[in-house]
Amino acid sequence: MEFEYQQFRIDASCLEEGGHYYARAKIFRRLSEDDTPSEVKWSGDIGDYRSDADAVEAARQWALKWCDANRH
């Protein structure tokens, strides 16, 4: 799931492996005048969830909290 939040673009996703769903997120910030995004944070695996939807939601929530804390 890709979406915009404040000055960030967030890619919240999951990795399915062996019946487990691992939440992960990439966060990009627009740093240039032409709005080219630059990756600023990679979460790694955040946790193990029962479904892909739960994993994506966990990644989304993690990314929103990170953006709120690092919006300067």
PDB file of N, CA and C in Angstrom:
ATOM      1  N   MET A   1       0.848  -1.164   0.000  1.00  0.00           N
ATOM      2  CA  MET A   1       0.000   0.000   0.000  1.00  0.00           C
ATOM      3  C   MET A   1       0.902   1.238   0.000  1.00  0.00           C
ATOM      4  N   GLU A   2       0.800   2.019  -1.038  1.00  0.00           N
ATOM      5  CA  GLU A   2       1.561   3.276  -1.102  1.00  0.00           C
ATOM      6  C   GLU A   2       0.603   4.429  -0.886  1.00  0.00           C
ATOM      7  N   PHE A   3       1.049   5.416  -0.084  1.00  0.00           N
ATOM      8  CA  PHE A   3       0.219   6.588   0.140  1.00  0.00           C
ATOM      9  C   PHE A   3       1.088   7.754   0.588  1.00  0.00           C
ATOM     10  N   GLU A   4       0.530   8.943   0.494  1.00  0.00           N
ATOM     11  CA  GLU A   4       1.205  10.171   0.889  1.00  0.00           C
ATOM     12  C   GLU A   4       0.778  10.543   2.300  1.00  0.00           C
ATOM     13  N   TYR A   5       1.735  11.068   3.076  1.00  0.00           N
ATOM     14  CA  TYR A   5       1.442  11.547   4.418  1.00  0.00           C
ATOM     15  C   TYR A   5       2.415  12.669   4.731  1.00  0.00           C
ATOM     16  N   GLN A   6       1.888  13.855   5.009  1.00  0.00           N
ATOM     17  CA  GLN A   6       2.712  15.041   5.224  1.00  0.00           C
ATOM     18  C   GLN A   6       3.664  15.189   4.031  1.00  0.00           C
ATOM     19  N   GLN A   7       4.967  15.357   4.269  1.00  0.00           N
ATOM     20  CA  GLN A   7       5.910  15.488   3.154  1.00  0.00           C
ATOM     21  C   GLN A   7       6.529  14.138   2.781  1.00  0.00           C
ATOM     22  N   PHE A   8       5.911  13.044   3.213  1.00  0.00           N
ATOM     23  CA  PHE A   8       6.443  11.707   2.997  1.00  0.00           C
ATOM     24  C   PHE A   8       5.580  10.896   2.029  1.00  0.00           C
ATOM     25  N   ARG A   9       6.213   9.919   1.417  1.00  0.00           N
ATOM     26  CA  ARG A   9       5.503   8.866   0.685  1.00  0.00           C
ATOM     27  C   ARG A   9       5.843   7.576   1.406  1.00  0.00           C
ATOM     28  N   ILE A  10       4.828   6.809   1.724  1.00  0.00           N
ATOM     29  CA  ILE A  10       4.996   5.588   2.507  1.00  0.00           C
ATOM     30  C   ILE A  10       4.606   4.382   1.657  1.00  0.00           C
ATOM     31  N   ASP A  11       5.442   3.350   1.728  1.00  0.00           N
ATOM     32  CA  ASP A  11       5.139   2.070   1.096  1.00  0.00           C
ATOM     33  C   ASP A  11       5.058   1.039   2.218  1.00  0.00           C
ATOM     34  N   ALA A  12       3.843   0.724   2.656  1.00  0.00           N
ATOM     35  CA  ALA A  12       3.604  -0.263   3.711  1.00  0.00           C
ATOM     36  C   ALA A  12       3.274  -1.586   3.032  1.00  0.00           C
ATOM     37  N   SER A  13       3.966  -2.646   3.429  1.00  0.00           N
ATOM     38  CA  SER A  13       3.775  -3.925   2.761  1.00  0.00           C
ATOM     39  C   SER A  13       4.005  -5.071   3.737  1.00  0.00           C
ATOM     40  N   CYS A  14       3.900  -6.281   3.201  1.00  0.00           N
ATOM     41  CA  CYS A  14       4.218  -7.446   4.012  1.00  0.00           C
ATOM     42  C   CYS A  14       4.981  -8.460   3.173  1.00  0.00           C
ATOM     43  N   LEU A  15       5.713  -9.283   3.859  1.00  0.00           N
ATOM     44  CA  LEU A  15       6.423 -10.393   3.246  1.00  0.00           C
ATOM     45  C   LEU A  15       5.769 -11.659   3.763  1.00  0.00           C
ATOM     46  N   GLU A  16       5.257 -12.502   2.858  1.00  0.00           N
ATOM     47  CA  GLU A  16       4.635 -13.751   3.259  1.00  0.00           C
ATOM     48  C   GLU A  16       5.670 -14.857   3.106  1.00  0.00           C
ATOM     49  N   GLU A  17       5.893 -15.572   4.197  1.00  0.00           N
ATOM     50  CA  GLU A  17       6.880 -16.639   4.175  1.00  0.00           C
ATOM     51  C   GLU A  17       6.434 -17.757   5.113  1.00  0.00           C
ATOM     52  N   GLY A  18       6.185 -18.911   4.567  1.00  0.00           N
ATOM     53  CA  GLY A  18       5.819 -20.066   5.375  1.00  0.00           C
ATOM     54  C   GLY A  18       4.560 -19.892   6.199  1.00  0.00           C
ATOM     55  N   GLY A  19       3.581 -19.197   5.657  1.00  0.00           N
ATOM     56  CA  GLY A  19       2.333 -18.976   6.374  1.00  0.00           C
ATOM     57  C   GLY A  19       2.386 -17.849   7.388  1.00  0.00           C
ATOM     58  N   HIS A  20       3.491 -17.128   7.437  1.00  0.00           N
ATOM     59  CA  HIS A  20       3.631 -15.974   8.318  1.00  0.00           C
ATOM     60  C   HIS A  20       3.678 -14.709   7.466  1.00  0.00           C
ATOM     61  N   TYR A  21       3.176 -13.616   8.009  1.00  0.00           N
ATOM     62  CA  TYR A  21       3.153 -12.336   7.315  1.00  0.00           C
ATOM     63  C   TYR A  21       3.945 -11.329   8.132  1.00  0.00           C
ATOM     64  N   TYR A  22       5.007 -10.823   7.546  1.00  0.00           N
ATOM     65  CA  TYR A  22       5.905  -9.901   8.240  1.00  0.00           C
ATOM     66  C   TYR A  22       5.673  -8.488   7.734  1.00  0.00           C
ATOM     67  N   ALA A  23       5.386  -7.576   8.653  1.00  0.00           N
ATOM     68  CA  ALA A  23       5.139  -6.175   8.313  1.00  0.00           C
ATOM     69  C   ALA A  23       6.458  -5.471   8.040  1.00  0.00           C
ATOM     70  N   ARG A  24       6.442  -4.570   7.060  1.00  0.00           N
ATOM     71  CA  ARG A  24       7.614  -3.762   6.738  1.00  0.00           C
ATOM     72  C   ARG A  24       7.171  -2.491   6.029  1.00  0.00           C
ATOM     73  N   ALA A  25       7.988  -1.470   6.126  1.00  0.00           N
ATOM     74  CA  ALA A  25       7.644  -0.185   5.503  1.00  0.00           C
ATOM     75  C   ALA A  25       8.898   0.518   5.005  1.00  0.00           C
ATOM     76  N   LYS A  26       8.732   1.258   3.919  1.00  0.00           N
ATOM     77  CA  LYS A  26       9.759   2.171   3.417  1.00  0.00           C
ATOM     78  C   LYS A  26       9.152   3.561   3.423  1.00  0.00           C
ATOM     79  N   ILE A  27       9.948   4.518   3.854  1.00  0.00           N
ATOM     80  CA  ILE A  27       9.477   5.900   3.921  1.00  0.00           C
ATOM     81  C   ILE A  27      10.395   6.749   3.058  1.00  0.00           C
ATOM     82  N   PHE A  28       9.783   7.563   2.214  1.00  0.00           N
ATOM     83  CA  PHE A  28      10.505   8.454   1.315  1.00  0.00           C
ATOM     84  C   PHE A  28      10.125   9.888   1.625  1.00  0.00           C
ATOM     85  N   ARG A  29      11.060  10.811   1.443  1.00  0.00           N
ATOM     86  CA  ARG A  29      10.803  12.240   1.619  1.00  0.00           C
ATOM     87  C   ARG A  29      11.169  12.932   0.311  1.00  0.00           C
ATOM     88  N   ARG A  30      10.345  13.907  -0.067  1.00  0.00           N
ATOM     89  CA  ARG A  30      10.667  14.701  -1.258  1.00  0.00           C
ATOM     90  C   ARG A  30      11.688  15.752  -0.863  1.00  0.00           C
ATOM     91  N   LEU A  31      12.864  15.665  -1.426  1.00  0.00           N
ATOM     92  CA  LEU A  31      13.935  16.580  -1.050  1.00  0.00           C
ATOM     93  C   LEU A  31      14.294  17.577  -2.145  1.00  0.00           C
ATOM     94  N   SER A  32      13.870  17.323  -3.361  1.00  0.00           N
ATOM     95  CA  SER A  32      14.282  18.191  -4.455  1.00  0.00           C
ATOM     96  C   SER A  32      13.100  18.970  -5.012  1.00  0.00           C
ATOM     97  N   GLU A  33      13.414  19.973  -5.799  1.00  0.00           N
ATOM     98  CA  GLU A  33      12.368  20.812  -6.382  1.00  0.00           C
ATOM     99  C   GLU A  33      11.471  20.045  -7.347  1.00  0.00           C
ATOM    100  N   ASP A  34      11.992  18.986  -7.963  1.00  0.00           N
ATOM    101  CA  ASP A  34      11.184  18.223  -8.910  1.00  0.00           C
ATOM    102  C   ASP A  34      10.405  17.090  -8.237  1.00  0.00           C
ATOM    103  N   ASP A  35      10.345  17.112  -6.892  1.00  0.00           N
ATOM    104  CA  ASP A  35       9.595  16.130  -6.106  1.00  0.00           C
ATOM    105  C   ASP A  35      10.113  14.707  -6.236  1.00  0.00           C
ATOM    106  N   THR A  36      11.390  14.550  -6.572  1.00  0.00           N
ATOM    107  CA  THR A  36      11.975  13.222  -6.607  1.00  0.00           C
ATOM    108  C   THR A  36      12.103  12.705  -5.180  1.00  0.00           C
ATOM    109  N   PRO A  37      11.477  11.560  -4.889  1.00  0.00           N
ATOM    110  CA  PRO A  37      11.544  11.062  -3.504  1.00  0.00           C
ATOM    111  C   PRO A  37      12.903  10.443  -3.189  1.00  0.00           C
ATOM    112  N   SER A  38      13.314  10.591  -1.955  1.00  0.00           N
ATOM    113  CA  SER A  38      14.554  10.018  -1.482  1.00  0.00           C
ATOM    114  C   SER A  38      14.230   9.165  -0.255  1.00  0.00           C
ATOM    115  N   GLU A  39      14.673   7.900  -0.267  1.00  0.00           N
ATOM    116  CA  GLU A  39      14.376   7.017   0.860  1.00  0.00           C
ATOM    117  C   GLU A  39      15.069   7.519   2.113  1.00  0.00           C
ATOM    118  N   VAL A  40      14.310   7.607   3.192  1.00  0.00           N
ATOM    119  CA  VAL A  40      14.882   8.078   4.448  1.00  0.00           C
ATOM    120  C   VAL A  40      14.821   7.043   5.566  1.00  0.00           C
ATOM    121  N   LYS A  41      13.955   6.042   5.431  1.00  0.00           N
ATOM    122  CA  LYS A  41      13.841   5.050   6.499  1.00  0.00           C
ATOM    123  C   LYS A  41      13.309   3.740   5.951  1.00  0.00           C
ATOM    124  N   TRP A  42      13.945   2.665   6.367  1.00  0.00           N
ATOM    125  CA  TRP A  42      13.501   1.302   6.056  1.00  0.00           C
ATOM    126  C   TRP A  42      13.271   0.620   7.387  1.00  0.00           C
ATOM    127  N   SER A  43      12.116   0.061   7.595  1.00  0.00           N
ATOM    128  CA  SER A  43      11.764  -0.491   8.903  1.00  0.00           C
ATOM    129  C   SER A  43      12.413  -1.836   9.198  1.00  0.00           C
ATOM    130  N   GLY A  44      12.729  -2.597   8.164  1.00  0.00           N
ATOM    131  CA  GLY A  44      13.054  -3.991   8.405  1.00  0.00           C
ATOM    132  C   GLY A  44      11.760  -4.709   8.764  1.00  0.00           C
ATOM    133  N   ASP A  45      11.836  -5.932   9.230  1.00  0.00           N
ATOM    134  CA  ASP A  45      10.629  -6.655   9.622  1.00  0.00           C
ATOM    135  C   ASP A  45      10.155  -6.147  10.977  1.00  0.00           C
ATOM    136  N   ILE A  46       8.912  -5.665  11.015  1.00  0.00           N
ATOM    137  CA  ILE A  46       8.349  -5.070  12.226  1.00  0.00           C
ATOM    138  C   ILE A  46       7.740  -6.126  13.140  1.00  0.00           C
ATOM    139  N   GLY A  47       7.116  -7.120  12.572  1.00  0.00           N
ATOM    140  CA  GLY A  47       6.489  -8.152  13.383  1.00  0.00           C
ATOM    141  C   GLY A  47       5.852  -9.214  12.513  1.00  0.00           C
ATOM    142  N   ASP A  48       5.365 -10.269  13.141  1.00  0.00           N
ATOM    143  CA  ASP A  48       4.756 -11.424  12.502  1.00  0.00           C
ATOM    144  C   ASP A  48       3.249 -11.367  12.769  1.00  0.00           C
ATOM    145  N   TYR A  49       2.429 -11.412  11.702  1.00  0.00           N
ATOM    146  CA  TYR A  49       0.984 -11.243  11.833  1.00  0.00           C
ATOM    147  C   TYR A  49       0.236 -12.400  11.189  1.00  0.00           C
ATOM    148  N   ARG A  50      -1.024 -12.544  11.563  1.00  0.00           N
ATOM    149  CA  ARG A  50      -1.854 -13.662  11.090  1.00  0.00           C
ATOM    150  C   ARG A  50      -2.306 -13.522   9.646  1.00  0.00           C
ATOM    151  N   SER A  51      -2.365 -12.289   9.145  1.00  0.00           N
ATOM    152  CA  SER A  51      -2.829 -12.082   7.772  1.00  0.00           C
ATOM    153  C   SER A  51      -2.023 -10.969   7.110  1.00  0.00           C
ATOM    154  N   ASP A  52      -2.097 -10.936   5.783  1.00  0.00           N
ATOM    155  CA  ASP A  52      -1.397  -9.870   5.069  1.00  0.00           C
ATOM    156  C   ASP A  52      -2.000  -8.510   5.393  1.00  0.00           C
ATOM    157  N   ALA A  53      -3.320  -8.449   5.571  1.00  0.00           N
ATOM    158  CA  ALA A  53      -3.972  -7.175   5.905  1.00  0.00           C
ATOM    159  C   ALA A  53      -3.499  -6.662   7.267  1.00  0.00           C
ATOM    160  N   ASP A  54      -3.384  -7.560   8.243  1.00  0.00           N
ATOM    161  CA  ASP A  54      -2.893  -7.157   9.566  1.00  0.00           C
ATOM    162  C   ASP A  54      -1.455  -6.659   9.484  1.00  0.00           C
ATOM    163  N   ALA A  55      -0.636  -7.318   8.688  1.00  0.00           N
ATOM    164  CA  ALA A  55       0.769  -6.919   8.539  1.00  0.00           C
ATOM    165  C   ALA A  55       0.878  -5.554   7.878  1.00  0.00           C
ATOM    166  N   VAL A  56       0.108  -5.332   6.824  1.00  0.00           N
ATOM    167  CA  VAL A  56       0.151  -4.035   6.137  1.00  0.00           C
ATOM    168  C   VAL A  56      -0.332  -2.929   7.066  1.00  0.00           C
ATOM    169  N   GLU A  57      -1.371  -3.183   7.834  1.00  0.00           N
ATOM    170  CA  GLU A  57      -1.869  -2.172   8.772  1.00  0.00           C
ATOM    171  C   GLU A  57      -0.837  -1.864   9.852  1.00  0.00           C
ATOM    172  N   ALA A  58      -0.155  -2.877  10.342  1.00  0.00           N
ATOM    173  CA  ALA A  58       0.907  -2.649  11.335  1.00  0.00           C
ATOM    174  C   ALA A  58       2.042  -1.820  10.729  1.00  0.00           C
ATOM    175  N   ALA A  59       2.408  -2.110   9.496  1.00  0.00           N
ATOM    176  CA  ALA A  59       3.449  -1.336   8.820  1.00  0.00           C
ATOM    177  C   ALA A  59       3.001   0.106   8.618  1.00  0.00           C
ATOM    178  N   ARG A  60       1.733   0.293   8.247  1.00  0.00           N
ATOM    179  CA  ARG A  60       1.186   1.642   8.053  1.00  0.00           C
ATOM    180  C   ARG A  60       1.240   2.425   9.362  1.00  0.00           C
ATOM    181  N   GLN A  61       0.801   1.821  10.445  1.00  0.00           N
ATOM    182  CA  GLN A  61       0.801   2.500  11.743  1.00  0.00           C
ATOM    183  C   GLN A  61       2.219   2.832  12.197  1.00  0.00           C
ATOM    184  N   TRP A  62       3.156   1.921  11.999  1.00  0.00           N
ATOM    185  CA  TRP A  62       4.544   2.162  12.364  1.00  0.00           C
ATOM    186  C   TRP A  62       5.082   3.362  11.573  1.00  0.00           C
ATOM    187  N   ALA A  63       4.804   3.390  10.271  1.00  0.00           N
ATOM    188  CA  ALA A  63       5.299   4.471   9.415  1.00  0.00           C
ATOM    189  C   ALA A  63       4.698   5.819   9.812  1.00  0.00           C
ATOM    190  N   LEU A  64       3.410   5.856  10.108  1.00  0.00           N
ATOM    191  CA  LEU A  64       2.782   7.114  10.518  1.00  0.00           C
ATOM    192  C   LEU A  64       3.417   7.648  11.798  1.00  0.00           C
ATOM    193  N   LYS A  65       3.665   6.779  12.753  1.00  0.00           N
ATOM    194  CA  LYS A  65       4.309   7.212  14.000  1.00  0.00           C
ATOM    195  C   LYS A  65       5.715   7.728  13.741  1.00  0.00           C
ATOM    196  N   TRP A  66       6.455   7.032  12.870  1.00  0.00           N
ATOM    197  CA  TRP A  66       7.818   7.472  12.557  1.00  0.00           C
ATOM    198  C   TRP A  66       7.775   8.848  11.881  1.00  0.00           C
ATOM    199  N   CYS A  67       6.872   9.033  10.940  1.00  0.00           N
ATOM    200  CA  CYS A  67       6.756  10.318  10.241  1.00  0.00           C
ATOM    201  C   CYS A  67       6.401  11.441  11.210  1.00  0.00           C
ATOM    202  N   ASP A  68       5.472  11.190  12.107  1.00  0.00           N
ATOM    203  CA  ASP A  68       5.083  12.213  13.087  1.00  0.00           C
ATOM    204  C   ASP A  68       6.261  12.623  13.955  1.00  0.00           C
ATOM    205  N   ALA A  69       7.107  11.672  14.290  1.00  0.00           N
ATOM    206  CA  ALA A  69       8.267  11.957  15.156  1.00  0.00           C
ATOM    207  C   ALA A  69       9.428  12.582  14.389  1.00  0.00           C
ATOM    208  N   ASN A  70       9.413  12.501  13.051  1.00  0.00           N
ATOM    209  CA  ASN A  70      10.564  12.957  12.244  1.00  0.00           C
ATOM    210  C   ASN A  70      10.158  13.902  11.120  1.00  0.00           C
ATOM    211  N   ARG A  71       9.196  14.739  11.352  1.00  0.00           N
ATOM    212  CA  ARG A  71       8.694  15.601  10.271  1.00  0.00           C
ATOM    213  C   ARG A  71       9.463  16.911  10.099  1.00  0.00           C
ATOM    214  N   HIS A  72      10.493  17.149  10.825  1.00  0.00           N
ATOM    215  CA  HIS A  72      11.260  18.400  10.720  1.00  0.00           C
ATOM    216  C   HIS A  72      11.972  18.541   9.420  1.00  0.00           C
TER     217      HIS A  72
END
